[in-house]
């Protein structure tokens, strides 16, 4: 699978506003992506995420309607807290 598919993927662009929070996925070569389509054939698919904060602030990630036809689980792993969050029912 290619790292970037111009038909389906989009690189992340930044406006660098003072209070902005930028969340993006990372390709294996660490390219920042706004849209990073993936094959769902693997049950163990991991998509690294990056975050860039333009100022010190508190924020919350609230998943909305994350569902797959096969009901596979979706988790967010917080490396700092060493904790998994179930994105199909919890808030991180």
C-alpha atoms as a PDB file:
ATOM      1  CA  UNK A   1       0.000   0.000   0.000  1.00  0.00           C
ATOM      2  CA  UNK A   2       1.462   3.393  -0.952  1.00  0.00           C
ATOM      3  CA  UNK A   3       2.114   5.911   1.805  1.00  0.00           C
ATOM      4  CA  UNK A   4       0.191   8.671   0.020  1.00  0.00           C
ATOM      5  CA  UNK A   5      -2.672   8.269  -2.438  1.00  0.00           C
ATOM      6  CA  UNK A   6      -3.669  11.573  -4.054  1.00  0.00           C
ATOM      7  CA  UNK A   7      -7.143  10.166  -4.781  1.00  0.00           C
ATOM      8  CA  UNK A   8      -7.961   9.586  -1.092  1.00  0.00           C
ATOM      9  CA  UNK A   9      -5.416  11.250   1.214  1.00  0.00           C
ATOM     10  CA  UNK A  10      -4.693  14.874   2.138  1.00  0.00           C
ATOM     11  CA  UNK A  11      -1.637  16.372   3.800  1.00  0.00           C
ATOM     12  CA  UNK A  12      -2.208  18.391   6.980  1.00  0.00           C
ATOM     13  CA  UNK A  13      -2.074  22.175   6.596  1.00  0.00           C
ATOM     14  CA  UNK A  14      -1.581  24.533   9.516  1.00  0.00           C
ATOM     15  CA  UNK A  15      -2.930  28.062  10.012  1.00  0.00           C
ATOM     16  CA  UNK A  16      -0.910  28.608  13.213  1.00  0.00           C
ATOM     17  CA  UNK A  17      -3.537  30.525  15.141  1.00  0.00           C
ATOM     18  CA  UNK A  18      -2.686  31.264  18.771  1.00  0.00           C
ATOM     19  CA  UNK A  19      -5.345  29.058  20.361  1.00  0.00           C
ATOM     20  CA  UNK A  20      -5.453  26.276  17.779  1.00  0.00           C
ATOM     21  CA  UNK A  21      -5.138  22.559  18.484  1.00  0.00           C
ATOM     22  CA  UNK A  22      -3.922  20.540  15.495  1.00  0.00           C
ATOM     23  CA  UNK A  23      -4.585  16.802  15.430  1.00  0.00           C
ATOM     24  CA  UNK A  24      -3.262  14.710  12.559  1.00  0.00           C
ATOM     25  CA  UNK A  25      -2.313  11.167  11.645  1.00  0.00           C
ATOM     26  CA  UNK A  26       1.252  10.196  10.809  1.00  0.00           C
ATOM     27  CA  UNK A  27       2.405   7.976   7.956  1.00  0.00           C
ATOM     28  CA  UNK A  28       5.234   5.467   8.471  1.00  0.00           C
ATOM     29  CA  UNK A  29       7.632   8.144   7.170  1.00  0.00           C
ATOM     30  CA  UNK A  30       6.165  10.657   9.688  1.00  0.00           C
ATOM     31  CA  UNK A  31       4.247  12.708   7.102  1.00  0.00           C
ATOM     32  CA  UNK A  32       1.432  14.679   8.771  1.00  0.00           C
ATOM     33  CA  UNK A  33      -1.960  13.882   7.263  1.00  0.00           C
ATOM     34  CA  UNK A  34      -5.416  15.450   7.593  1.00  0.00           C
ATOM     35  CA  UNK A  35      -6.959  12.483   5.776  1.00  0.00           C
ATOM     36  CA  UNK A  36      -5.110   9.172   5.770  1.00  0.00           C
ATOM     37  CA  UNK A  37      -7.253   6.382   4.329  1.00  0.00           C
ATOM     38  CA  UNK A  38      -6.352   2.880   5.435  1.00  0.00           C
ATOM     39  CA  UNK A  39      -7.354  -0.618   4.487  1.00  0.00           C
ATOM     40  CA  UNK A  40      -9.455  -2.159   7.252  1.00  0.00           C
ATOM     41  CA  UNK A  41      -8.358  -5.698   6.428  1.00  0.00           C
ATOM     42  CA  UNK A  42      -6.044  -5.867   9.438  1.00  0.00           C
ATOM     43  CA  UNK A  43      -7.594  -6.314  12.875  1.00  0.00           C
ATOM     44  CA  UNK A  44      -4.407  -4.880  14.427  1.00  0.00           C
ATOM     45  CA  UNK A  45      -4.199  -1.649  12.430  1.00  0.00           C
ATOM     46  CA  UNK A  46      -2.381   1.127  14.296  1.00  0.00           C
ATOM     47  CA  UNK A  47      -2.539   4.739  13.128  1.00  0.00           C
ATOM     48  CA  UNK A  48      -0.127   7.041  14.965  1.00  0.00           C
ATOM     49  CA  UNK A  49      -1.532  10.463  15.781  1.00  0.00           C
ATOM     50  CA  UNK A  50       0.247  13.729  16.370  1.00  0.00           C
ATOM     51  CA  UNK A  51      -0.921  16.836  18.128  1.00  0.00           C
ATOM     52  CA  UNK A  52       0.401  20.363  18.046  1.00  0.00           C
ATOM     53  CA  UNK A  53      -0.750  22.977  20.547  1.00  0.00           C
ATOM     54  CA  UNK A  54      -0.105  26.617  19.815  1.00  0.00           C
ATOM     55  CA  UNK A  55      -0.506  27.616  23.485  1.00  0.00           C
ATOM     56  CA  UNK A  56      -0.798  26.000  26.910  1.00  0.00           C
ATOM     57  CA  UNK A  57      -4.370  24.817  27.159  1.00  0.00           C
ATOM     58  CA  UNK A  58      -6.600  21.990  28.256  1.00  0.00           C
ATOM     59  CA  UNK A  59      -8.614  20.130  25.666  1.00  0.00           C
ATOM     60  CA  UNK A  60     -10.765  17.025  25.401  1.00  0.00           C
ATOM     61  CA  UNK A  61     -11.214  14.535  22.591  1.00  0.00           C
ATOM     62  CA  UNK A  62     -14.833  13.456  22.161  1.00  0.00           C
ATOM     63  CA  UNK A  63     -15.443  10.712  19.597  1.00  0.00           C
ATOM     64  CA  UNK A  64     -18.639  11.027  17.584  1.00  0.00           C
ATOM     65  CA  UNK A  65     -20.221   8.106  15.714  1.00  0.00           C
ATOM     66  CA  UNK A  66     -17.134   5.928  15.371  1.00  0.00           C
ATOM     67  CA  UNK A  67     -18.528   2.643  14.092  1.00  0.00           C
ATOM     68  CA  UNK A  68     -17.391   0.011  11.631  1.00  0.00           C
ATOM     69  CA  UNK A  69     -19.674  -2.470   9.904  1.00  0.00           C
ATOM     70  CA  UNK A  70     -17.892  -5.370  11.596  1.00  0.00           C
ATOM     71  CA  UNK A  71     -18.071  -3.711  15.063  1.00  0.00           C
ATOM     72  CA  UNK A  72     -14.300  -3.801  15.527  1.00  0.00           C
ATOM     73  CA  UNK A  73     -13.033  -1.916  18.588  1.00  0.00           C
ATOM     74  CA  UNK A  74     -11.326   1.468  18.188  1.00  0.00           C
ATOM     75  CA  UNK A  75      -8.931   2.705  20.862  1.00  0.00           C
ATOM     76  CA  UNK A  76      -6.810   5.779  21.495  1.00  0.00           C
ATOM     77  CA  UNK A  77      -3.586   5.121  23.394  1.00  0.00           C
ATOM     78  CA  UNK A  78      -2.247   7.934  25.562  1.00  0.00           C
ATOM     79  CA  UNK A  79       1.530   7.440  25.724  1.00  0.00           C
ATOM     80  CA  UNK A  80       1.955   9.847  28.648  1.00  0.00           C
ATOM     81  CA  UNK A  81      -0.731   8.234  30.805  1.00  0.00           C
ATOM     82  CA  UNK A  82       0.018   4.745  29.404  1.00  0.00           C
ATOM     83  CA  UNK A  83      -3.714   4.205  29.077  1.00  0.00           C
ATOM     84  CA  UNK A  84      -6.141   3.094  26.360  1.00  0.00           C
ATOM     85  CA  UNK A  85      -9.459   4.847  25.739  1.00  0.00           C
ATOM     86  CA  UNK A  86     -12.322   3.043  24.004  1.00  0.00           C
ATOM     87  CA  UNK A  87     -13.441   5.525  21.316  1.00  0.00           C
ATOM     88  CA  UNK A  88     -16.769   3.818  20.886  1.00  0.00           C
ATOM     89  CA  UNK A  89     -18.009   4.837  24.276  1.00  0.00           C
ATOM     90  CA  UNK A  90     -15.605   6.926  26.353  1.00  0.00           C
ATOM     91  CA  UNK A  91     -14.174  10.428  26.432  1.00  0.00           C
ATOM     92  CA  UNK A  92     -10.429  11.051  26.525  1.00  0.00           C
END
